[in-house]
Protein backbone atom coordinates (compact mmCIF):
# COMPACT_ATOMS: atom_id res chain seq x y z
CA MET A 1 72.77 90.00 78.45
CA LYS A 2 75.08 91.05 75.51
CA SER A 3 75.70 94.08 77.28
CA ASP A 4 77.28 92.21 80.33
CA ARG A 5 79.24 89.94 78.20
CA ALA A 6 80.47 92.80 76.39
CA SER A 7 81.31 94.66 79.77
CA GLY A 8 82.92 91.18 81.11
CA LEU A 9 85.01 90.71 77.67
CA VAL A 10 86.47 94.30 78.15
CA GLU A 11 87.28 93.52 81.65
CA ILE A 12 89.40 90.51 81.24
CA HIS A 13 91.21 92.06 78.24
CA VAL A 14 92.11 95.00 80.10
CA ALA A 15 93.24 92.26 83.17
CA VAL A 16 95.50 90.40 80.87
CA LEU A 17 96.82 93.58 79.59
CA LEU A 18 98.14 94.78 82.85
CA PHE A 19 99.51 91.20 83.22
CA GLY A 20 101.52 91.79 79.92
CA LEU A 21 102.19 95.22 81.19
CA ALA A 22 104.08 94.02 84.86
CA GLY A 23 106.96 92.33 83.08
CA LEU A 24 108.24 95.85 81.85
CA PHE A 25 109.07 96.39 85.56
CA ALA A 26 111.85 94.13 85.19
CA LYS A 27 113.34 96.25 83.03
CA PHE A 28 112.09 99.65 84.54
CA LEU A 29 113.37 99.08 87.91
CA PRO A 30 116.72 98.65 88.40
CA LEU A 31 116.45 96.56 91.41
CA PRO A 32 116.69 93.06 91.89
CA ALA A 33 113.98 90.55 91.20
CA TRP A 34 113.19 89.83 94.79
CA CYS A 35 112.74 93.59 95.78
CA ILE A 36 110.29 94.00 92.83
CA VAL A 37 108.49 91.08 94.19
CA LEU A 38 108.76 92.69 97.94
CA GLY A 39 107.02 96.02 96.28
CA ARG A 40 104.53 94.19 94.16
CA THR A 41 102.89 91.91 96.70
CA GLY A 42 103.40 94.70 99.54
CA PHE A 43 101.15 97.16 97.77
CA ALA A 44 98.85 94.79 96.53
CA THR A 45 98.06 93.50 100.26
CA MET A 46 97.50 96.95 101.01
CA ALA A 47 94.95 97.21 98.17
CA LEU A 48 93.66 93.77 98.95
CA ALA A 49 93.23 94.50 102.29
CA ALA A 50 91.57 97.70 101.85
CA ALA A 51 88.89 95.95 99.60
CA LEU A 52 87.94 93.49 101.68
CA VAL A 53 87.73 96.30 104.76
CA PHE A 54 85.58 98.40 102.26
CA GLY A 55 83.74 95.60 100.18
CA LYS A 56 81.80 92.42 101.05
CA ARG A 57 84.09 90.63 103.67
CA GLY A 58 84.47 86.65 102.64
CA ARG A 59 85.20 83.87 104.62
CA TYR A 60 88.73 83.41 105.99
CA PRO A 61 90.59 80.57 106.36
CA GLN A 62 90.59 78.69 109.86
CA GLY A 63 92.74 75.92 111.41
CA ARG A 64 96.54 75.34 111.70
CA LYS A 65 96.85 73.19 108.44
CA THR A 66 94.73 75.25 106.15
CA ILE A 67 96.77 78.33 107.51
CA ALA A 68 100.03 75.95 106.76
CA LEU A 69 98.89 75.47 103.49
CA PHE A 70 97.93 79.04 102.66
CA CYS A 71 101.51 80.13 103.78
CA LEU A 72 103.00 77.30 101.46
CA LEU A 73 100.84 78.88 98.57
CA GLY A 74 102.44 82.39 99.34
CA ILE A 75 106.09 80.94 99.58
CA ILE A 76 105.44 79.75 96.25
CA LEU A 77 104.17 82.76 94.25
CA ALA A 78 106.69 84.78 95.77
CA ILE A 79 109.45 82.20 93.67
CA HIS A 80 107.04 82.20 90.69
CA TRP A 81 107.33 86.32 90.56
CA ILE A 82 111.21 86.05 91.53
CA THR A 83 111.85 83.64 88.66
CA PHE A 84 109.59 85.70 86.21
CA PHE A 85 111.20 89.06 86.53
CA HIS A 86 114.66 87.57 86.84
CA ALA A 87 113.66 85.85 83.11
CA ILE A 88 113.15 89.40 82.03
CA GLN A 89 116.07 90.81 83.33
CA VAL A 90 118.49 88.18 82.16
CA SER A 91 117.22 88.24 78.54
CA ASN A 92 114.22 90.35 77.19
CA VAL A 93 110.54 90.88 78.24
CA ALA A 94 109.40 88.67 74.90
CA VAL A 95 111.65 85.68 76.00
CA GLY A 96 110.37 86.10 79.74
CA LEU A 97 106.92 86.46 78.67
CA LEU A 98 106.99 83.51 76.16
CA ALA A 99 108.59 81.12 78.24
CA PHE A 100 106.46 81.73 80.94
CA SER A 101 103.69 80.99 78.65
CA THR A 102 104.48 77.41 79.08
CA PHE A 103 102.54 77.18 82.46
CA PRO A 104 99.04 75.86 80.71
CA VAL A 105 101.17 73.03 79.34
CA PHE A 106 102.73 72.27 82.64
CA ILE A 107 98.83 72.14 84.08
CA THR A 108 97.78 69.92 81.31
CA CYS A 109 100.90 67.74 82.17
CA LEU A 110 100.56 67.64 85.71
CA GLU A 111 96.76 67.19 86.36
CA PRO A 112 96.69 63.56 85.40
CA PHE A 113 99.20 62.93 88.48
CA TRP A 114 97.66 65.40 90.72
CA PHE A 115 94.28 63.92 90.30
CA ASN A 116 94.64 60.37 89.41
CA GLU A 117 93.45 61.01 86.12
CA LYS A 118 94.22 58.99 83.01
CA ARG A 119 96.81 60.54 80.71
CA ARG A 120 95.86 60.96 77.11
CA MET A 121 98.26 61.29 74.06
CA ILE A 122 97.54 65.24 73.36
CA ASP A 123 99.09 65.48 76.43
CA TRP A 124 102.40 64.22 75.05
CA VAL A 125 102.07 66.02 72.06
CA THR A 126 101.51 69.35 73.60
CA ALA A 127 104.57 68.85 76.09
CA LEU A 128 106.64 68.01 72.60
CA LEU A 129 105.25 71.29 71.01
CA VAL A 130 106.55 73.22 73.86
CA LEU A 131 109.90 71.49 73.41
CA THR A 132 110.32 72.58 69.93
CA GLY A 133 109.11 76.11 70.62
CA LEU A 134 111.68 76.58 73.48
CA GLY A 135 114.33 75.00 71.23
CA VAL A 136 113.48 77.07 68.12
CA MET A 137 114.01 80.14 70.81
CA VAL A 138 117.17 78.86 72.11
CA TYR A 139 119.10 77.58 69.59
CA PRO A 140 120.19 80.23 67.07
CA SER A 141 121.82 82.10 69.87
CA GLY A 142 123.28 78.66 71.63
CA PHE A 143 122.75 77.49 74.92
CA ARG A 144 125.07 79.00 77.21
CA GLY A 145 123.56 82.92 76.35
CA GLN A 146 121.12 85.36 77.84
CA VAL A 147 118.35 84.09 75.77
CA PHE A 148 119.00 80.58 77.11
CA SER A 149 119.09 81.64 80.68
CA GLY A 150 116.07 83.68 80.25
CA VAL A 151 114.16 80.77 79.01
CA ILE A 152 115.03 78.64 81.60
CA TRP A 153 114.22 80.77 84.13
CA GLY A 154 111.00 81.80 82.56
CA THR A 155 110.06 77.88 82.21
CA LEU A 156 110.64 77.68 86.14
CA ALA A 157 108.38 80.81 86.39
CA GLY A 158 105.94 79.04 84.34
CA PHE A 159 106.14 75.61 86.16
CA THR A 160 105.68 77.52 89.68
CA PHE A 161 102.37 79.03 88.45
CA ALA A 162 101.22 76.12 87.09
CA VAL A 163 101.88 74.51 90.86
CA LEU A 164 100.18 77.29 92.18
CA SER A 165 97.28 77.17 89.88
CA LEU A 166 96.59 73.50 90.91
CA LEU A 167 96.81 74.25 94.37
CA ASN A 168 94.37 76.97 94.27
CA ARG A 169 91.86 75.19 92.68
CA LYS A 170 91.05 73.50 95.76
CA TRP A 171 90.71 76.89 97.63
CA VAL A 172 88.79 78.80 94.94
CA ARG A 173 85.84 76.74 96.00
CA ASP A 174 85.72 77.53 99.69
CA TYR A 175 86.94 81.09 99.96
CA PRO A 176 86.61 84.73 97.94
CA PRO A 177 89.33 84.81 95.37
CA VAL A 178 90.35 88.37 96.64
CA VAL A 179 91.23 86.61 100.46
CA ILE A 180 93.15 83.84 98.70
CA ALA A 181 94.62 86.81 96.69
CA LEU A 182 95.18 88.48 99.97
CA TYR A 183 96.75 85.64 102.09
CA GLN A 184 99.24 84.87 99.25
CA ASN A 185 100.42 88.59 98.78
CA ALA A 186 100.46 89.09 102.52
CA VAL A 187 102.91 85.71 103.18
CA ALA A 188 105.24 86.43 100.32
CA THR A 189 105.92 90.00 101.70
CA LEU A 190 106.40 88.81 105.13
CA VAL A 191 108.61 85.88 103.49
CA LEU A 192 110.83 88.52 101.48
CA LEU A 193 110.72 91.81 104.17
CA PRO A 194 113.82 90.28 105.98
CA MET A 195 115.83 90.74 103.60
CA LEU A 196 115.93 94.50 103.64
CA ALA A 197 117.86 94.01 106.81
CA VAL A 198 120.83 92.36 105.21
CA VAL A 199 121.04 93.65 101.68
CA ASP A 200 121.75 98.03 101.38
CA LEU A 201 119.24 98.79 98.73
CA GLN A 202 118.73 102.68 97.76
CA VAL A 203 115.55 102.99 96.58
CA ASP A 204 114.13 106.57 95.14
CA ALA A 205 110.60 108.30 94.72
CA ARG A 206 110.15 107.28 91.27
CA GLN A 207 110.99 103.65 91.85
CA ILE A 208 108.76 103.51 94.44
CA GLY A 209 105.87 105.05 92.62
CA LEU A 210 106.36 102.53 89.96
CA LEU A 211 106.04 99.91 92.75
CA VAL A 212 102.91 101.25 93.65
CA PHE A 213 101.72 100.93 90.09
CA LEU A 214 102.86 97.74 89.78
CA GLY A 215 100.96 96.75 93.11
CA VAL A 216 97.99 98.20 92.98
CA ILE A 217 97.17 98.60 89.26
CA CYS A 218 99.08 95.45 87.83
CA THR A 219 98.40 93.40 90.70
CA ALA A 220 95.57 94.03 92.83
CA LEU A 221 93.03 95.97 90.07
CA SER A 222 94.01 93.61 87.25
CA HIS A 223 93.14 90.23 89.45
CA ALA A 224 89.93 92.23 90.37
CA LEU A 225 88.91 92.81 86.58
CA PHE A 226 89.55 89.51 85.90
CA ILE A 227 87.89 87.85 88.23
CA ARG A 228 84.98 90.28 87.73
CA GLY A 229 84.77 89.35 84.31
CA LEU A 230 84.39 85.79 84.95
CA ARG A 231 80.66 86.62 86.16
CA TYR A 232 79.58 86.92 82.45
CA VAL A 233 82.43 85.31 80.41
CA ARG A 234 83.01 81.35 80.24
CA ALA A 235 86.12 80.21 81.95
CA GLN A 236 87.32 78.35 78.67
CA LEU A 237 87.20 81.47 76.96
CA ALA A 238 88.89 83.67 79.47
CA SER A 239 91.83 81.04 79.64
CA VAL A 240 92.50 81.55 76.23
CA ILE A 241 92.11 85.23 76.21
CA ALA A 242 94.76 84.85 79.40
CA CYS A 243 97.35 83.22 76.55
CA LEU A 244 97.42 86.55 75.10
CA GLU A 245 99.64 88.11 77.96
CA PRO A 246 102.81 87.61 75.94
CA VAL A 247 101.06 89.64 72.92
CA TYR A 248 100.64 92.25 74.84
CA GLY A 249 103.85 92.41 76.92
CA ILE A 250 105.70 92.25 73.68
CA VAL A 251 103.99 94.89 72.30
CA PHE A 252 104.44 97.13 75.39
CA ALA A 253 107.92 96.50 75.16
CA PHE A 254 108.51 97.47 71.45
CA PHE A 255 106.75 100.99 72.22
CA LEU A 256 108.08 101.64 75.63
CA LEU A 257 111.30 99.75 75.68
CA HIS A 258 112.09 99.78 72.03
CA GLU A 259 112.84 95.85 72.26
CA VAL A 260 112.51 93.89 68.81
CA PRO A 261 112.26 90.34 69.44
CA SER A 262 114.58 88.07 66.96
CA ALA A 263 112.90 86.06 64.39
CA SER A 264 113.73 82.84 66.07
CA THR A 265 111.99 84.24 69.64
CA LEU A 266 108.73 84.90 67.60
CA ALA A 267 108.60 81.85 65.77
CA GLY A 268 109.17 79.67 69.17
CA GLY A 269 107.08 81.90 70.95
CA ALA A 270 104.37 81.35 67.93
CA PHE A 271 104.90 77.45 68.98
CA ILE A 272 104.04 78.10 72.72
CA VAL A 273 101.07 80.54 72.57
CA VAL A 274 99.42 78.18 70.01
CA THR A 275 100.30 74.97 72.24
CA ALA A 276 98.94 76.96 75.46
CA VAL A 277 95.77 77.83 73.51
CA MET A 278 95.28 74.41 72.37
CA ALA A 279 96.22 72.99 76.03
CA THR A 280 93.86 75.82 77.77
CA HIS A 281 90.96 74.72 75.40
CA ARG A 282 91.38 70.89 76.15
CA ARG A 283 91.56 71.49 79.65
CA ALA A 284 89.09 74.46 80.37
CA PRO A 285 85.47 73.78 81.68
CA VAL A 286 82.40 74.65 78.82
């Protein structure tokens, strides 16, 4: 029905909007990136666990090998979000989000190796376009400045997210996405929790409130909305909409942080976003 499809589109756009908003917390919170990730995954874990308790329960992973692989995914998730927030902290929201947006191209380039598929010329073209976009972003400020650091960390965040997505592709067929998200967030929390014993941090009530919002609204709720939207919207269209994340994030940063991206950042970002849409369109199922 048209109303169901419209509802699905709204849910996916709201989810992507919240994904874009999440990046701003690297500026809202004067905390190390790992601490922000600890708060995000910790509160997301609680919200996801509550959703499973009060909602429809799904299948849970069993066996040492499967649980070990789920733990690996949680560690990769922690690394991904740490590099993501650090990229924004050392530069700005636009640079961090746009560099992270290279992940669809990494997926396109890694898939042939991962699944023993034939490499196509379009893979090399998309990789070249992304490198061009990154170069345009970095060149005016030099290769040792804040923009360069943000691009390096943001690209690393994109790469780790691509690896995470490819590994998740196997498990999403066997387990509900909420269960996968719960395990990954829980493992990431457990991995980062010991840091509190060795680092002296002062976190006030306002910062805790922001971490709750980040974990519950920008993480647990956004993922739930995105998954719900996929019931009525094709995965290909949803993937293209997801490429709007940096656009939403830059708009939020402009109004809430008064950050104005440079012309070179916008030009390079345009290369990356267009290439990401192209790569997503090529690989997504119809």
